[in-house]
Amino acid sequence: MENWRPRTFRELFIPGYSGRLDWWVAMFAIFFGATSIVGLGIVCYQAAVGQKQLAAALAEGLMLQKEGLNVTMG
């Protein structure tokens, strides 16, 4: 077990008898790697929603501006 190395993703979660530091570093990397991937997905979703909201706000602003011009000129 001294020279054992994980071969599959599932075996990464089994700590060896020696070199526990390597195991903790791997767990740290897996956790923060997964967290950053999820965070990137959330950021992309928020950007898409923000673009839709901005487009809707601009369209409504233009509509209100045109209505205001018609009221003052008419």
N, C-alpha and C. Protein backbone atom coordinates (compact mmCIF):
# COMPACT_ATOMS: atom_id res chain seq x y z
N MET A 1 0.82 -1.19 0.00
CA MET A 1 0.00 0.00 0.00
C MET A 1 0.87 1.26 0.00
N GLU A 2 2.14 1.13 0.30
CA GLU A 2 3.04 2.28 0.33
C GLU A 2 3.16 2.94 -1.05
N ASN A 3 3.22 2.14 -2.10
CA ASN A 3 3.40 2.67 -3.45
C ASN A 3 2.10 2.70 -4.25
N TRP A 4 0.99 2.53 -3.60
CA TRP A 4 -0.30 2.50 -4.27
C TRP A 4 -0.66 3.87 -4.80
N ARG A 5 -1.16 3.90 -6.02
CA ARG A 5 -1.62 5.14 -6.64
C ARG A 5 -3.04 4.91 -7.17
N PRO A 6 -3.91 5.91 -7.06
CA PRO A 6 -5.27 5.74 -7.58
C PRO A 6 -5.26 5.66 -9.11
N ARG A 7 -6.10 4.80 -9.64
CA ARG A 7 -6.19 4.63 -11.09
C ARG A 7 -7.50 5.17 -11.65
N THR A 8 -8.52 5.27 -10.81
CA THR A 8 -9.81 5.79 -11.25
C THR A 8 -10.17 7.01 -10.41
N PHE A 9 -11.18 7.75 -10.87
CA PHE A 9 -11.62 8.93 -10.13
C PHE A 9 -12.14 8.54 -8.75
N ARG A 10 -12.83 7.44 -8.67
CA ARG A 10 -13.38 6.98 -7.39
C ARG A 10 -12.28 6.65 -6.38
N GLU A 11 -11.16 6.13 -6.86
CA GLU A 11 -10.05 5.78 -5.97
C GLU A 11 -9.32 7.00 -5.43
N LEU A 12 -9.57 8.18 -6.00
CA LEU A 12 -8.96 9.40 -5.47
C LEU A 12 -9.40 9.69 -4.04
N PHE A 13 -10.58 9.21 -3.69
CA PHE A 13 -11.13 9.49 -2.36
C PHE A 13 -10.67 8.49 -1.30
N ILE A 14 -9.78 7.57 -1.67
CA ILE A 14 -9.22 6.61 -0.72
C ILE A 14 -7.81 7.07 -0.37
N PRO A 15 -7.58 7.54 0.86
CA PRO A 15 -6.23 7.98 1.21
C PRO A 15 -5.29 6.80 1.39
N GLY A 16 -4.05 6.98 0.98
CA GLY A 16 -3.05 5.93 1.16
C GLY A 16 -2.51 5.93 2.58
N TYR A 17 -1.68 4.96 2.89
CA TYR A 17 -1.11 4.87 4.24
C TYR A 17 -0.06 5.95 4.48
N SER A 18 0.66 6.32 3.45
CA SER A 18 1.67 7.36 3.60
C SER A 18 1.36 8.48 2.62
N GLY A 19 1.89 9.62 2.87
CA GLY A 19 1.67 10.74 1.96
C GLY A 19 0.27 11.30 2.05
N ARG A 20 -0.24 11.48 3.25
CA ARG A 20 -1.58 12.05 3.40
C ARG A 20 -1.65 13.47 2.86
N LEU A 21 -0.53 14.17 2.86
CA LEU A 21 -0.51 15.53 2.34
C LEU A 21 -0.91 15.54 0.87
N ASP A 22 -0.43 14.58 0.11
CA ASP A 22 -0.81 14.48 -1.30
C ASP A 22 -2.31 14.29 -1.45
N TRP A 23 -2.89 13.47 -0.58
CA TRP A 23 -4.33 13.23 -0.63
C TRP A 23 -5.09 14.51 -0.32
N TRP A 24 -4.67 15.24 0.69
CA TRP A 24 -5.36 16.49 1.04
C TRP A 24 -5.22 17.53 -0.06
N VAL A 25 -4.08 17.58 -0.71
CA VAL A 25 -3.89 18.51 -1.83
C VAL A 25 -4.83 18.13 -2.97
N ALA A 26 -4.97 16.85 -3.24
CA ALA A 26 -5.87 16.40 -4.30
C ALA A 26 -7.33 16.74 -3.95
N MET A 27 -7.73 16.55 -2.69
CA MET A 27 -9.09 16.89 -2.29
C MET A 27 -9.34 18.39 -2.41
N PHE A 28 -8.34 19.19 -2.03
CA PHE A 28 -8.43 20.64 -2.16
C PHE A 28 -8.61 21.02 -3.63
N ALA A 29 -7.83 20.43 -4.51
CA ALA A 29 -7.90 20.74 -5.93
C ALA A 29 -9.24 20.32 -6.53
N ILE A 30 -9.73 19.14 -6.16
CA ILE A 30 -11.02 18.67 -6.68
C ILE A 30 -12.14 19.57 -6.21
N PHE A 31 -12.15 19.93 -4.93
CA PHE A 31 -13.21 20.77 -4.37
C PHE A 31 -13.23 22.14 -5.02
N PHE A 32 -12.08 22.81 -5.06
CA PHE A 32 -12.06 24.15 -5.61
C PHE A 32 -12.16 24.16 -7.13
N GLY A 33 -11.73 23.11 -7.77
CA GLY A 33 -11.94 23.00 -9.22
C GLY A 33 -13.41 22.87 -9.56
N ALA A 34 -14.11 22.02 -8.83
CA ALA A 34 -15.55 21.86 -9.05
C ALA A 34 -16.29 23.14 -8.70
N THR A 35 -15.87 23.80 -7.63
CA THR A 35 -16.51 25.05 -7.23
C THR A 35 -16.32 26.12 -8.30
N SER A 36 -15.14 26.19 -8.88
CA SER A 36 -14.90 27.21 -9.90
C SER A 36 -15.67 26.92 -11.18
N ILE A 37 -15.84 25.66 -11.53
CA ILE A 37 -16.63 25.31 -12.71
C ILE A 37 -18.09 25.68 -12.50
N VAL A 38 -18.62 25.39 -11.32
CA VAL A 38 -20.00 25.77 -11.01
C VAL A 38 -20.14 27.28 -11.01
N GLY A 39 -19.17 27.97 -10.44
CA GLY A 39 -19.19 29.43 -10.42
C GLY A 39 -19.16 30.02 -11.82
N LEU A 40 -18.37 29.44 -12.70
CA LEU A 40 -18.31 29.90 -14.08
C LEU A 40 -19.65 29.73 -14.77
N GLY A 41 -20.33 28.63 -14.52
CA GLY A 41 -21.66 28.41 -15.08
C GLY A 41 -22.66 29.44 -14.58
N ILE A 42 -22.59 29.76 -13.30
CA ILE A 42 -23.50 30.76 -12.72
C ILE A 42 -23.22 32.13 -13.32
N VAL A 43 -21.95 32.48 -13.51
CA VAL A 43 -21.59 33.77 -14.10
C VAL A 43 -22.12 33.87 -15.53
N CYS A 44 -22.00 32.82 -16.30
CA CYS A 44 -22.51 32.82 -17.68
C CYS A 44 -24.03 32.99 -17.69
N TYR A 45 -24.71 32.31 -16.79
CA TYR A 45 -26.16 32.44 -16.69
C TYR A 45 -26.55 33.87 -16.32
N GLN A 46 -25.86 34.45 -15.34
CA GLN A 46 -26.17 35.82 -14.93
C GLN A 46 -25.91 36.81 -16.06
N ALA A 47 -24.88 36.60 -16.84
CA ALA A 47 -24.59 37.49 -17.97
C ALA A 47 -25.70 37.41 -19.01
N ALA A 48 -26.19 36.21 -19.30
CA ALA A 48 -27.27 36.05 -20.27
C ALA A 48 -28.55 36.72 -19.78
N VAL A 49 -28.88 36.53 -18.52
CA VAL A 49 -30.08 37.15 -17.95
C VAL A 49 -29.93 38.66 -17.95
N GLY A 50 -28.76 39.17 -17.61
CA GLY A 50 -28.51 40.60 -17.61
C GLY A 50 -28.66 41.22 -18.99
N GLN A 51 -28.19 40.51 -20.01
CA GLN A 51 -28.34 41.03 -21.38
C GLN A 51 -29.80 41.10 -21.77
N LYS A 52 -30.59 40.09 -21.40
CA LYS A 52 -32.03 40.11 -21.71
C LYS A 52 -32.72 41.26 -20.98
N GLN A 53 -32.37 41.48 -19.71
CA GLN A 53 -32.98 42.56 -18.95
C GLN A 53 -32.59 43.92 -19.51
N LEU A 54 -31.35 44.08 -19.92
CA LEU A 54 -30.91 45.34 -20.50
C LEU A 54 -31.64 45.62 -21.81
N ALA A 55 -31.79 44.61 -22.64
CA ALA A 55 -32.50 44.79 -23.91
C ALA A 55 -33.96 45.17 -23.66
N ALA A 56 -34.59 44.54 -22.68
CA ALA A 56 -35.98 44.87 -22.35
C ALA A 56 -36.09 46.29 -21.81
N ALA A 57 -35.16 46.70 -20.98
CA ALA A 57 -35.18 48.05 -20.41
C ALA A 57 -34.96 49.10 -21.50
N LEU A 58 -34.05 48.84 -22.41
CA LEU A 58 -33.82 49.79 -23.51
C LEU A 58 -35.03 49.89 -24.42
N ALA A 59 -35.66 48.77 -24.72
CA ALA A 59 -36.85 48.78 -25.57
C ALA A 59 -37.98 49.56 -24.88
N GLU A 60 -38.16 49.35 -23.59
CA GLU A 60 -39.21 50.07 -22.86
C GLU A 60 -38.88 51.56 -22.78
N GLY A 61 -37.62 51.88 -22.58
CA GLY A 61 -37.21 53.28 -22.53
C GLY A 61 -37.46 53.99 -23.84
N LEU A 62 -37.15 53.33 -24.95
CA LEU A 62 -37.42 53.92 -26.26
C LEU A 62 -38.90 54.12 -26.49
N MET A 63 -39.69 53.14 -26.07
CA MET A 63 -41.14 53.24 -26.23
C MET A 63 -41.68 54.43 -25.43
N LEU A 64 -41.24 54.57 -24.20
CA LEU A 64 -41.70 55.68 -23.36
C LEU A 64 -41.22 57.01 -23.91
N GLN A 65 -40.01 57.04 -24.46
CA GLN A 65 -39.49 58.27 -25.03
C GLN A 65 -40.31 58.68 -26.25
N LYS A 66 -40.68 57.73 -27.10
CA LYS A 66 -41.49 58.03 -28.28
C LYS A 66 -42.88 58.51 -27.86
N GLU A 67 -43.47 57.88 -26.84
CA GLU A 67 -44.77 58.31 -26.34
C GLU A 67 -44.69 59.73 -25.78
N GLY A 68 -43.61 60.05 -25.12
CA GLY A 68 -43.42 61.40 -24.56
C GLY A 68 -43.31 62.43 -25.65
N LEU A 69 -42.63 62.09 -26.75
CA LEU A 69 -42.48 63.02 -27.86
C LEU A 69 -43.83 63.22 -28.55
N ASN A 70 -44.62 62.18 -28.68
CA ASN A 70 -45.94 62.31 -29.30
C ASN A 70 -46.87 63.17 -28.46
N VAL A 71 -46.79 63.07 -27.16
CA VAL A 71 -47.65 63.84 -26.28
C VAL A 71 -47.31 65.30 -26.35
N THR A 72 -46.02 65.63 -26.35
CA THR A 72 -45.60 67.05 -26.33
C THR A 72 -45.80 67.70 -27.71
N MET A 73 -45.69 66.93 -28.79
CA MET A 73 -45.85 67.51 -30.13
C MET A 73 -47.30 67.51 -30.57
N GLY A 74 -48.10 66.65 -30.05
CA GLY A 74 -49.45 66.49 -30.54
C GLY A 74 -50.44 67.28 -29.82
